[in-house]
C-alpha atoms as a PDB file:
ATOM      1  CA  MET A   1      -9.748-181.299  -7.893  1.00  0.00           C
ATOM      2  CA  GLU A   2      -9.877-179.574 -11.250  1.00  0.00           C
ATOM      3  CA  PHE A   3     -11.916-176.477 -11.993  1.00  0.00           C
ATOM      4  CA  ASP A   4     -14.711-178.438 -13.715  1.00  0.00           C
ATOM      5  CA  ALA A   5     -14.925-180.877 -10.812  1.00  0.00           C
ATOM      6  CA  LEU A   6     -15.012-177.986  -8.346  1.00  0.00           C
ATOM      7  CA  ARG A   7     -17.779-176.336 -10.346  1.00  0.00           C
ATOM      8  CA  ALA A   8     -19.715-179.613 -10.423  1.00  0.00           C
ATOM      9  CA  ALA A   9     -19.317-179.984  -6.645  1.00  0.00           C
ATOM     10  CA  ARG A  10     -20.639-176.462  -6.078  1.00  0.00           C
ATOM     11  CA  THR A  11     -23.556-177.080  -8.423  1.00  0.00           C
ATOM     12  CA  ARG A  12     -24.405-180.352  -6.660  1.00  0.00           C
ATOM     13  CA  LEU A  13     -24.209-178.603  -3.286  1.00  0.00           C
ATOM     14  CA  CYS A  14     -26.694-175.960  -4.453  1.00  0.00           C
ATOM     15  CA  GLU A  15     -29.007-178.683  -5.776  1.00  0.00           C
ATOM     16  CA  LEU A  16     -28.892-180.544  -2.468  1.00  0.00           C
ATOM     17  CA  ARG A  17     -29.590-177.361  -0.516  1.00  0.00           C
ATOM     18  CA  ASN A  18     -32.619-176.648  -2.702  1.00  0.00           C
ATOM     19  CA  ILE A  19     -33.895-180.212  -2.305  1.00  0.00           C
ATOM     20  CA  HIS A  20     -33.416-180.030   1.474  1.00  0.00           C
ATOM     21  CA  GLN A  21     -35.168-176.682   1.656  1.00  0.00           C
ATOM     22  CA  GLU A  22     -38.152-177.899  -0.368  1.00  0.00           C
ATOM     23  CA  LEU A  23     -38.486-181.133   1.606  1.00  0.00           C
ATOM     24  CA  SER A  24     -38.195-179.324   4.921  1.00  0.00           C
ATOM     25  CA  LYS A  25     -41.414-177.473   4.086  1.00  0.00           C
ATOM     26  CA  THR A  26     -43.419-180.704   4.072  1.00  0.00           C
ATOM     27  CA  GLN A  27     -41.460-183.100   6.295  1.00  0.00           C
ATOM     28  CA  GLN A  28     -41.028-183.155  10.048  1.00  0.00           C
ATOM     29  CA  PRO A  29     -37.607-182.008  11.328  1.00  0.00           C
ATOM     30  CA  ASP A  30     -36.866-185.311  13.081  1.00  0.00           C
ATOM     31  CA  GLY A  31     -33.722-186.248  11.149  1.00  0.00           C
ATOM     32  CA  THR A  32     -35.101-189.441   9.635  1.00  0.00           C
ATOM     33  CA  TRP A  33     -35.494-188.143   6.088  1.00  0.00           C
ATOM     34  CA  ASP A  34     -32.660-185.646   5.706  1.00  0.00           C
ATOM     35  CA  TRP A  35     -29.651-187.419   7.178  1.00  0.00           C
ATOM     36  CA  PHE A  36     -28.276-188.489   3.795  1.00  0.00           C
ATOM     37  CA  LEU A  37     -28.754-184.993   2.351  1.00  0.00           C
ATOM     38  CA  VAL A  38     -26.999-183.404   5.309  1.00  0.00           C
ATOM     39  CA  ASN A  39     -24.130-185.904   5.115  1.00  0.00           C
ATOM     40  CA  GLU A  40     -23.612-185.363   1.392  1.00  0.00           C
ATOM     41  CA  MET A  41     -23.786-181.575   1.799  1.00  0.00           C
ATOM     42  CA  ARG A  42     -21.216-181.776   4.595  1.00  0.00           C
ATOM     43  CA  GLU A  43     -18.864-183.946   2.517  1.00  0.00           C
ATOM     44  CA  LEU A  44     -19.119-181.664  -0.507  1.00  0.00           C
ATOM     45  CA  SER A  45     -18.544-178.583   1.633  1.00  0.00           C
ATOM     46  CA  MET A  46     -15.450-180.135   3.189  1.00  0.00           C
ATOM     47  CA  ALA A  47     -14.112-181.126  -0.252  1.00  0.00           C
ATOM     48  CA  ILE A  48     -14.593-177.580  -1.539  1.00  0.00           C
ATOM     49  CA  ILE A  49     -12.946-176.089   1.559  1.00  0.00           C
ATOM     50  CA  ASN A  50      -9.997-178.499   1.251  1.00  0.00           C
ATOM     51  CA  GLU A  51      -9.487-177.589  -2.408  1.00  0.00           C
ATOM     52  CA  LYS A  52      -9.589-173.880  -1.596  1.00  0.00           C
ATOM     53  CA  GLU A  53      -7.029-174.456   1.151  1.00  0.00           C
ATOM     54  CA  LYS A  54      -4.781-176.394  -1.238  1.00  0.00           C
ATOM     55  CA  ALA A  55      -5.000-173.570  -3.775  1.00  0.00           C
ATOM     56  CA  ARG A  56      -4.216-170.990  -1.100  1.00  0.00           C
ATOM     57  CA  LEU A  57      -1.216-172.936   0.148  1.00  0.00           C
ATOM     58  CA  ALA A  58       0.061-173.556  -3.369  1.00  0.00           C
ATOM     59  CA  GLY A  59       0.909-169.863  -3.575  1.00  0.00           C
ATOM     60  CA  ARG A  60       3.163-170.212  -0.524  1.00  0.00           C
ATOM     61  CA  THR A  61       5.076-173.240  -1.722  1.00  0.00           C
ATOM     62  CA  GLY A  62       6.809-171.450  -4.549  1.00  0.00           C
ATOM     63  CA  LEU A  63       4.571-172.655  -7.323  1.00  0.00           C
ATOM     64  CA  SER A  64       4.490-170.048 -10.001  1.00  0.00           C
ATOM     65  CA  THR A  65       1.381-167.942 -10.438  1.00  0.00           C
ATOM     66  CA  PRO A  66       0.610-165.725 -13.431  1.00  0.00           C
ATOM     67  CA  LEU A  67       1.089-162.584 -11.330  1.00  0.00           C
ATOM     68  CA  LYS A  68       4.420-163.806  -9.927  1.00  0.00           C
ATOM     69  CA  ARG A  69       5.653-164.671 -13.437  1.00  0.00           C
ATOM     70  CA  LEU A  70       4.725-161.164 -14.555  1.00  0.00           C
ATOM     71  CA  VAL A  71       6.171-159.208 -11.619  1.00  0.00           C
ATOM     72  CA  MET A  72       9.421-161.045 -10.860  1.00  0.00           C
ATOM     73  CA  PRO A  73      11.195-160.251 -14.152  1.00  0.00           C
ATOM     74  CA  ILE A  74      10.229-156.570 -13.784  1.00  0.00           C
ATOM     75  CA  VAL A  75      11.305-156.065 -10.154  1.00  0.00           C
ATOM     76  CA  PRO A  76      14.724-157.632  -9.449  1.00  0.00           C
ATOM     77  CA  LEU A  77      15.174-159.374  -6.109  1.00  0.00           C
ATOM     78  CA  LYS A  78      18.207-157.198  -5.249  1.00  0.00           C
ATOM     79  CA  PHE A  79      16.052-154.075  -5.491  1.00  0.00           C
ATOM     80  CA  ILE A  80      13.453-155.548  -3.124  1.00  0.00           C
ATOM     81  CA  GLU A  81      16.118-156.566  -0.581  1.00  0.00           C
ATOM     82  CA  SER A  82      17.924-153.216  -0.652  1.00  0.00           C
ATOM     83  CA  LYS A  83      14.673-151.327  -0.279  1.00  0.00           C
ATOM     84  CA  GLY A  84      13.773-153.508   2.730  1.00  0.00           C
ATOM     85  CA  GLU A  85      17.074-152.687   4.441  1.00  0.00           C
ATOM     86  CA  ALA A  86      16.611-148.950   3.955  1.00  0.00           C
ATOM     87  CA  VAL A  87      13.266-148.918   5.721  1.00  0.00           C
END
């Protein structure tokens, strides 16, 4: 999911929460009117969580990040390994 799609999903989730909150003021909490709102909110939440997890794991798989591209040329790997052995 791209950044714009993630932003749209978050915006839609906020809209659905507001709709649910407003309707819950006037409707009975019997589950007959809000089931589709709850299901869509759950699906959007899971999609957002999955995308966050993918982004978190992407840092572990060796994909380059701006910080890694900046730091790795400055600090040689040999220096990091030798410092680790001295500790």
